[in-house]
Structures are given as structure tokens and as C-alpha cells.
């Protein structure tokens, strides 16, 4: 099945990995780019929103250590949000606001209930674009802003909902990355490398490509989105995108997925993994988010189904852990999910989800 989509030209390449109780099978088909070199098992992919669960796990390391608290206000670390304003109604003009009903917490960021995120509110979208925040849409182009300036500008934008009131995709993860850097006293990538990447042997994962010869070309449909030769990821970002900025490989992400399946494996406590993989959404929130979640729930940085958890990256990647079966499924492609034909999405999500 996987090979047929490569042979027909729908995909330039695909890596499909299945790990069951520690035994791994993998298929590698196609090329790094249309007409390019053969795809290899260690080829690099822009994993996009698969960044979110990694950053959520990093936050839970600090929770385990008692350095941050899930339900304490984030104001000491993110003072820019302490006096945030909220739209009087979700469709109010951006200058019609009220104060926060309560402080924003770490739990709000992890569950994406910050009150700001993907929206069809034209005024908020215009403000986001004007301020160059780049919190909405794919991870290219990057914001040119450093984290402190990014937070300062975000603090001037009203929230659409009160904290904890509505699940809105995206921005909570971006804010979480800034919080982690400030709480740890380290740049985000250094913290991730010290506490997750190096302990798990994820030597190829980061916000910047070290070896361009291993980088695949990313596509939206048949159009190049980011070429390997002139990739945005060849230089370090001003703002490390905790919502979607990582580059990784199939085996690197497998190491992260195995850690969660093994209830933390020395990186996290079993309690932290349980909290990450618990569904926090109400039935009404799941219904409101059905267009993106498809009826699934949401934990900390990942989607929750009755017998599995995982997530997908908009640039063409998917992952699922099924704890009862002790099974991990990972699919990496170079074609953006929003440009996949319907039959391709059905074919791929059936064995993964």
C-alpha cells in the first residue's frame, strides 16, 4: 500500500514504522525529493506538530522536579500575560475586552485552553499577522522575533476566550516553549537536548539541520514548500517553535514514543505519563474541536482516543501509541497533510489510528 502511493507519484517517499513490544519493522520507499536521491531510514523530516508532545514531556520533567506547578499561575515566568485582556464575546471587536476571570496556568498551556489559538476571527488574525507572531498556520515562514519580544507582543493581543473555557489549537504550545526556557534558565533547544534528546539517544532531533544531505524536501501537493538545498531549517531560528519547529527521524521519534509507552523510563515519572495521556476535554469541547480532533480528546500535547494516543504533523507525519497492544506506529512523508487526497488519508490513518 505504501509503495503504491510512491509509484503513482502521490508521494515522493514514505517511511512506515511499526514497533510491537520492542520488535521493529520498517518500510522505506521512494526518494528524498521527486527525482532526488533514494530515501534512507535516517533521512530527516520536518515533524511539525509532533514537536508538541516532546515539549509537553519536557514541561512534565520540571513538574516532576517540583520546579513548576500545573495549576499555579504562570505570571511569575510569563508576566506579559498577567494583565491579558479577553474579548467580551468570542466574536467581539478586538478593542471590546474584559479582564481575565482568573490567571493562566501551566495546565491551560498544556491542554491548549489558553484562550487563544487557531481562529476564524478576522481581527485577531490581522493582529497576529501585523505583529509577526506566526502562531497560526504552518511553521514557515518563521517569526523573526526573539522569545522576549514575541511574548511582549503576544501580551498586547486579547484572548478570544477566558482561560480554561475553550480548546483552541496551537498557541499554548508556543507559549509553553518560552515558559520552559525561562523556568530552566536554558534556551529551549539546550533544555530539550539535555533532558530528552541526549538521554534517549535522539541525536538527529533539533530545530536546525546539521547535515543537509539527509534532509528531505517538503511539499504542499506537488509544489515545493521547503527545499533541502535552501531550507529554512538550515539556520537557527530566532524563536524556537515549540509547536512545530523540530526536525527528526523515524528512529529518534521511536525512542521518544517508547519512553512514553514504558511509563517514563527514567525520563518522566509514571504519574507524569498518565497525566499527559489523559483526556481533559469535555464532550462540548470535543464537539467544538471535531474538525481537527475528529472526535478524539486531548491530553498534554497530544490527542487521546479510547485505546491509543498520539498526534500528527501537518507537513506529513503521524504517530500513535497503543498501550494495551504495546504497539507504536509512525508514518513519515514529505507531503503536507492538508494536501493529501482523501483516499490517501483514509489508507494511512486506518493502520495508524
Protein backbone atom coordinates (compact mmCIF):
# COMPACT_ATOMS: atom_id res chain seq x y z
CA UNK A 1 0.00 0.00 0.00
CA UNK A 2 2.69 2.50 1.00
CA UNK A 3 4.80 1.72 -2.05
CA UNK A 4 1.86 2.16 -4.41
CA UNK A 5 1.44 5.83 -3.44
CA UNK A 6 5.11 6.41 -4.21
CA UNK A 7 4.92 4.58 -7.54
CA UNK A 8 1.89 6.65 -8.57
CA UNK A 9 3.69 9.89 -7.72
CA UNK A 10 1.31 10.96 -4.97
CA UNK A 11 4.23 10.82 -2.51
CA UNK A 12 7.92 11.41 -3.13
CA UNK A 13 8.71 8.98 -0.33
CA UNK A 14 7.42 7.39 2.87
CA UNK A 15 8.83 5.70 5.96
CA UNK A 16 6.37 3.44 7.80
CA UNK A 17 7.46 2.00 11.13
CA UNK A 18 5.70 -0.40 13.47
CA UNK A 19 7.15 -1.38 16.84
CA UNK A 20 5.47 -4.08 18.91
CA UNK A 21 6.89 -4.98 22.32
CA UNK A 22 10.29 -3.71 21.23
CA UNK A 23 10.40 -5.54 17.89
CA UNK A 24 10.56 -3.07 14.99
CA UNK A 25 9.56 -3.47 11.36
CA UNK A 26 10.11 -0.63 8.91
CA UNK A 27 9.43 0.13 5.25
CA UNK A 28 11.34 2.83 3.36
CA UNK A 29 10.04 3.72 -0.11
CA UNK A 30 10.77 6.46 -2.62
CA UNK A 31 13.12 9.39 -2.65
CA UNK A 32 14.25 12.39 -0.62
CA UNK A 33 12.58 14.59 -3.26
CA UNK A 34 10.87 13.96 -6.57
CA UNK A 35 13.72 12.96 -8.87
CA UNK A 36 16.17 13.03 -5.97
CA UNK A 37 18.32 10.56 -4.07
CA UNK A 38 16.76 7.45 -2.51
CA UNK A 39 15.10 7.92 0.86
CA UNK A 40 17.05 6.36 3.75
CA UNK A 41 15.97 5.14 7.16
CA UNK A 42 17.85 8.03 8.81
CA UNK A 43 16.50 10.75 6.49
CA UNK A 44 15.38 13.93 8.23
CA UNK A 45 11.77 15.11 8.24
CA UNK A 46 10.10 18.28 9.45
CA UNK A 47 7.88 16.65 12.07
CA UNK A 48 5.84 19.83 12.61
CA UNK A 49 3.23 19.32 15.37
CA UNK A 50 4.90 16.14 16.60
CA UNK A 51 7.03 18.78 18.36
CA UNK A 52 4.11 19.41 20.74
CA UNK A 53 4.22 16.13 22.72
CA UNK A 54 8.01 16.38 23.07
CA UNK A 55 7.76 19.88 24.56
CA UNK A 56 4.86 18.78 26.78
CA UNK A 57 7.03 15.94 28.12
CA UNK A 58 9.79 18.44 28.82
CA UNK A 59 7.36 20.50 30.88
CA UNK A 60 6.40 17.43 32.89
CA UNK A 61 10.07 16.85 33.77
CA UNK A 62 10.01 20.19 35.59
CA UNK A 63 6.65 19.33 37.18
CA UNK A 64 8.15 16.06 38.44
CA UNK A 65 11.01 18.02 39.95
CA UNK A 66 8.69 20.50 41.64
CA UNK A 67 10.15 23.43 39.73
CA UNK A 68 6.82 24.39 38.16
CA UNK A 69 3.24 23.58 39.15
CA UNK A 70 0.45 22.53 36.83
CA UNK A 71 -2.19 24.70 38.49
CA UNK A 72 -0.19 27.70 39.68
CA UNK A 73 -0.43 30.97 37.72
CA UNK A 74 2.26 31.35 35.06
CA UNK A 75 2.55 35.08 35.88
CA UNK A 76 5.96 34.86 37.61
CA UNK A 77 7.50 33.29 34.49
CA UNK A 78 5.26 34.97 31.91
CA UNK A 79 4.44 38.41 33.34
CA UNK A 80 3.43 39.54 29.84
CA UNK A 81 0.21 37.53 30.27
CA UNK A 82 -0.59 38.63 33.83
CA UNK A 83 -2.80 41.51 32.70
CA UNK A 84 -4.09 39.98 29.46
CA UNK A 85 -7.46 41.14 28.20
CA UNK A 86 -10.22 38.87 26.84
CA UNK A 87 -12.82 39.60 24.17
CA UNK A 88 -16.18 40.34 25.76
CA UNK A 89 -17.71 37.80 23.40
CA UNK A 90 -15.76 35.40 21.13
CA UNK A 91 -16.81 37.48 18.09
CA UNK A 92 -16.39 40.92 19.70
CA UNK A 93 -14.14 43.55 18.07
CA UNK A 94 -10.56 43.38 19.30
CA UNK A 95 -11.00 46.60 21.34
CA UNK A 96 -14.06 45.31 23.21
CA UNK A 97 -12.44 43.42 26.08
CA UNK A 98 -12.78 42.46 29.74
CA UNK A 99 -10.17 41.43 32.35
CA UNK A 100 -9.05 37.85 32.97
CA UNK A 101 -11.50 35.92 35.13
CA UNK A 102 -8.54 34.01 36.61
CA UNK A 103 -4.80 33.71 35.95
CA UNK A 104 -3.49 31.49 33.16
CA UNK A 105 -1.90 28.24 34.40
CA UNK A 106 0.58 25.71 33.04
CA UNK A 107 -2.32 23.27 32.66
CA UNK A 108 -4.03 25.78 30.34
CA UNK A 109 -0.95 25.84 28.10
CA UNK A 110 -0.57 22.05 28.04
CA UNK A 111 -4.25 21.41 27.26
CA UNK A 112 -4.40 24.28 24.73
CA UNK A 113 -7.01 26.12 26.81
CA UNK A 114 -5.01 29.32 26.95
CA UNK A 115 -7.91 31.14 25.28
CA UNK A 116 -6.03 31.98 22.07
CA UNK A 117 -5.19 29.79 19.08
CA UNK A 118 -6.38 28.88 15.60
CA UNK A 119 -9.41 31.04 14.87
CA UNK A 120 -11.56 32.48 12.10
CA UNK A 121 -11.79 35.81 13.98
CA UNK A 122 -10.54 38.20 11.31
CA UNK A 123 -9.48 40.88 13.78
CA UNK A 124 -7.31 38.51 15.81
CA UNK A 125 -5.78 37.04 12.67
CA UNK A 126 -4.96 40.52 11.40
CA UNK A 127 -3.29 41.44 14.70
CA UNK A 128 -1.28 38.22 14.71
CA UNK A 129 -0.06 38.95 11.20
CA UNK A 130 0.69 42.60 11.89
CA UNK A 131 2.77 41.72 14.96
CA UNK A 132 4.65 38.91 13.11
CA UNK A 133 3.83 36.40 15.83
CA UNK A 134 3.35 33.48 13.42
CA UNK A 135 1.28 31.49 15.91
CA UNK A 136 -1.19 30.37 13.24
CA UNK A 137 -0.58 28.25 10.18
CA UNK A 138 2.38 26.11 9.04
CA UNK A 139 5.87 26.56 10.57
CA UNK A 140 7.15 28.59 7.60
CA UNK A 141 7.94 31.43 7.40
CA UNK A 142 9.26 31.73 10.93
CA UNK A 143 8.66 34.72 13.13
CA UNK A 144 11.75 36.96 13.13
CA UNK A 145 11.21 37.79 16.81
CA UNK A 146 13.31 36.69 19.77
CA UNK A 147 11.28 34.99 22.56
CA UNK A 148 11.12 38.00 24.90
CA UNK A 149 9.89 40.34 22.16
CA UNK A 150 7.49 37.67 20.92
CA UNK A 151 5.97 37.39 24.39
CA UNK A 152 5.77 41.16 24.78
CA UNK A 153 3.79 41.45 21.55
CA UNK A 154 1.58 38.46 22.32
CA UNK A 155 0.68 40.12 25.62
CA UNK A 156 -0.88 43.01 23.69
CA UNK A 157 -3.29 40.71 21.81
CA UNK A 158 -6.61 39.94 23.52
CA UNK A 159 -7.55 36.34 24.19
CA UNK A 160 -10.65 35.10 22.40
CA UNK A 161 -11.86 33.10 25.42
CA UNK A 162 -11.25 33.11 29.14
CA UNK A 163 -8.51 30.65 30.24
CA UNK A 164 -9.86 27.11 30.53
CA UNK A 165 -13.03 27.95 28.63
CA UNK A 166 -12.31 26.54 25.15
CA UNK A 167 -9.80 24.27 23.42
CA UNK A 168 -8.02 26.23 20.66
CA UNK A 169 -5.21 24.60 18.75
CA UNK A 170 -1.68 25.90 18.59
CA UNK A 171 -0.61 28.90 20.59
CA UNK A 172 -0.45 27.28 24.01
CA UNK A 173 2.49 25.16 22.83
CA UNK A 174 4.37 28.21 21.51
CA UNK A 175 3.95 29.95 24.87
CA UNK A 176 4.96 26.75 26.69
CA UNK A 177 8.33 26.82 24.93
CA UNK A 178 9.06 30.29 26.30
CA UNK A 179 7.99 29.25 29.79
CA UNK A 180 10.30 26.22 29.72
CA UNK A 181 13.31 28.30 28.67
CA UNK A 182 12.68 30.76 31.49
CA UNK A 183 11.94 28.09 34.09
CA UNK A 184 15.05 26.07 33.22
CA UNK A 185 17.35 29.04 32.66
CA UNK A 186 18.41 27.50 29.34
CA UNK A 187 17.49 28.12 25.69
CA UNK A 188 14.68 25.74 24.76
CA UNK A 189 16.75 23.53 22.45
CA UNK A 190 19.52 23.19 25.05
CA UNK A 191 16.98 22.10 27.65
CA UNK A 192 15.36 19.60 25.29
CA UNK A 193 18.76 18.25 24.34
CA UNK A 194 19.95 17.86 27.91
CA UNK A 195 16.79 16.33 29.35
CA UNK A 196 15.20 14.40 26.45
CA UNK A 197 17.29 14.13 23.27
CA UNK A 198 20.63 13.04 24.74
CA UNK A 199 19.22 10.65 27.38
CA UNK A 200 17.08 8.96 24.70
CA UNK A 201 19.78 8.94 22.01
CA UNK A 202 17.79 11.31 19.75
CA UNK A 203 20.96 12.57 18.10
CA UNK A 204 19.31 13.87 14.92
CA UNK A 205 16.48 15.89 16.51
CA UNK A 206 16.58 19.66 16.84
CA UNK A 207 15.42 22.99 15.47
CA UNK A 208 18.33 23.23 12.99
CA UNK A 209 19.61 20.78 10.37
CA UNK A 210 23.23 19.76 10.88
CA UNK A 211 23.53 17.55 7.77
CA UNK A 212 21.59 18.95 4.80
CA UNK A 213 22.34 15.84 2.72
CA UNK A 214 19.91 13.88 4.93
CA UNK A 215 17.07 16.45 4.76
CA UNK A 216 14.02 15.62 2.67
CA UNK A 217 12.22 18.22 0.56
CA UNK A 218 8.78 19.20 1.88
CA UNK A 219 5.78 19.62 -0.44
CA UNK A 220 2.28 21.01 -0.40
CA UNK A 221 0.66 18.88 -3.04
CA UNK A 222 3.18 18.80 -5.88
CA UNK A 223 4.62 22.24 -5.07
CA UNK A 224 7.84 22.62 -3.10
CA UNK A 225 7.17 24.04 0.36
CA UNK A 226 10.74 23.90 1.69
CA UNK A 227 13.62 22.51 -0.35
CA UNK A 228 16.53 20.70 1.20
CA UNK A 229 19.05 22.88 -0.63
CA UNK A 230 17.57 26.20 0.59
CA UNK A 231 15.78 25.06 3.71
CA UNK A 232 14.58 27.44 6.38
CA UNK A 233 15.78 24.80 8.85
CA UNK A 234 19.43 25.20 7.77
CA UNK A 235 19.81 28.18 10.11
CA UNK A 236 18.96 28.53 13.80
CA UNK A 237 15.58 30.18 14.47
CA UNK A 238 15.26 33.42 16.41
CA UNK A 239 12.22 31.87 18.09
CA UNK A 240 12.40 28.09 18.67
CA UNK A 241 8.92 26.94 17.65
CA UNK A 242 7.70 24.64 20.42
CA UNK A 243 4.51 23.99 18.47
CA UNK A 244 6.01 22.72 15.24
CA UNK A 245 9.66 23.51 14.62
CA UNK A 246 11.57 20.26 15.13
CA UNK A 247 13.43 18.12 12.60
CA UNK A 248 13.67 14.41 13.44
CA UNK A 249 13.94 10.85 12.12
CA UNK A 250 11.84 7.73 12.41
CA UNK A 251 14.20 6.12 14.94
CA UNK A 252 14.58 9.27 17.01
CA UNK A 253 10.84 9.66 17.37
CA UNK A 254 10.54 5.95 18.09
CA UNK A 255 12.85 6.45 21.08
CA UNK A 256 10.54 9.18 22.41
CA UNK A 257 7.42 7.06 21.80
CA UNK A 258 9.00 4.07 23.55
CA UNK A 259 9.77 6.25 26.57
CA UNK A 260 6.09 7.13 26.94
CA UNK A 261 4.99 3.53 26.38
CA UNK A 262 7.42 2.45 29.12
CA UNK A 263 5.73 4.88 31.57
CA UNK A 264 8.57 7.38 31.50
CA UNK A 265 11.57 5.02 31.54
CA UNK A 266 13.57 7.23 33.91
CA UNK A 267 12.87 10.43 31.96
CA UNK A 268 9.40 11.03 33.38
CA UNK A 269 7.50 9.58 36.30
CA UNK A 270 4.70 7.13 35.54
CA UNK A 271 2.33 9.71 37.03
CA UNK A 272 3.53 12.35 34.56
CA UNK A 273 2.91 9.99 31.62
CA UNK A 274 -0.59 9.21 32.91
CA UNK A 275 -1.34 12.90 33.17
CA UNK A 276 -0.02 13.53 29.66
CA UNK A 277 -2.17 10.75 28.22
CA UNK A 278 -5.45 11.59 29.99
CA UNK A 279 -8.27 13.25 28.06
CA UNK A 280 -9.16 16.61 29.64
CA UNK A 281 -11.80 17.80 27.18
CA UNK A 282 -15.50 17.91 27.93
CA UNK A 283 -17.98 16.45 25.44
CA UNK A 284 -18.84 20.00 24.34
CA UNK A 285 -15.17 20.84 23.77
CA UNK A 286 -14.63 17.67 21.73
CA UNK A 287 -17.64 18.52 19.62
CA UNK A 288 -16.42 22.09 19.06
CA UNK A 289 -12.97 20.75 18.06
CA UNK A 290 -14.27 17.88 15.91
CA UNK A 291 -12.99 19.47 12.72
CA UNK A 292 -9.42 18.96 13.89
CA UNK A 293 -9.67 16.22 16.51
CA UNK A 294 -12.26 14.10 14.70
CA UNK A 295 -13.99 13.22 17.95
CA UNK A 296 -10.80 12.41 19.84
CA UNK A 297 -9.83 14.10 23.09
CA UNK A 298 -6.73 15.99 24.16
CA UNK A 299 -4.15 15.40 26.86
CA UNK A 300 -0.90 17.33 27.25
CA UNK A 301 0.42 18.00 23.75
CA UNK A 302 -1.26 15.00 22.11
CA UNK A 303 -4.59 13.55 21.01
CA UNK A 304 -6.40 10.87 23.02
CA UNK A 305 -8.53 8.02 21.64
CA UNK A 306 -10.15 5.23 23.71
CA UNK A 307 -7.28 2.76 23.23
CA UNK A 308 -4.45 4.95 21.96
CA UNK A 309 -2.80 8.35 21.99
CA UNK A 310 -0.61 10.24 19.53
CA UNK A 311 -0.69 13.08 17.08
CA UNK A 312 0.12 14.20 13.54
CA UNK A 313 2.37 16.82 11.99
CA UNK A 314 0.81 18.99 9.32
CA UNK A 315 3.80 18.58 6.98
CA UNK A 316 3.04 14.88 6.58
CA UNK A 317 3.85 12.89 9.74
CA UNK A 318 1.73 10.70 12.04
CA UNK A 319 2.32 8.76 15.25
CA UNK A 320 0.27 6.55 17.56
CA UNK A 321 0.97 4.59 20.76
CA UNK A 322 -1.44 1.77 21.67
CA UNK A 323 -0.55 0.87 25.28
CA UNK A 324 -2.62 -2.32 25.61
CA UNK A 325 -1.06 -3.77 22.46
CA UNK A 326 2.36 -2.29 23.32
CA UNK A 327 2.44 -1.03 19.74
CA UNK A 328 3.92 2.13 18.23
CA UNK A 329 3.09 3.28 14.69
CA UNK A 330 4.98 6.07 12.90
CA UNK A 331 4.48 7.29 9.34
CA UNK A 332 6.72 9.98 7.85
CA UNK A 333 6.06 11.59 4.46
CA UNK A 334 7.06 14.86 2.79
CA UNK A 335 3.56 15.84 1.64
CA UNK A 336 1.58 18.28 3.83
CA UNK A 337 -1.47 16.59 5.33
CA UNK A 338 -3.85 19.31 4.18
CA UNK A 339 -2.89 18.48 0.57
CA UNK A 340 -3.38 14.70 0.87
CA UNK A 341 -6.09 13.20 -1.35
CA UNK A 342 -8.97 11.77 0.68
CA UNK A 343 -8.22 8.16 -0.22
CA UNK A 344 -4.60 8.58 0.84
CA UNK A 345 -5.61 9.93 4.23
CA UNK A 346 -8.06 7.04 4.75
CA UNK A 347 -5.49 4.46 3.68
CA UNK A 348 -2.83 5.79 6.01
CA UNK A 349 -4.93 6.59 9.05
CA UNK A 350 -6.63 3.17 9.07
CA UNK A 351 -3.46 1.23 10.03
CA UNK A 352 -2.10 4.06 12.21
CA UNK A 353 -5.22 5.07 14.12
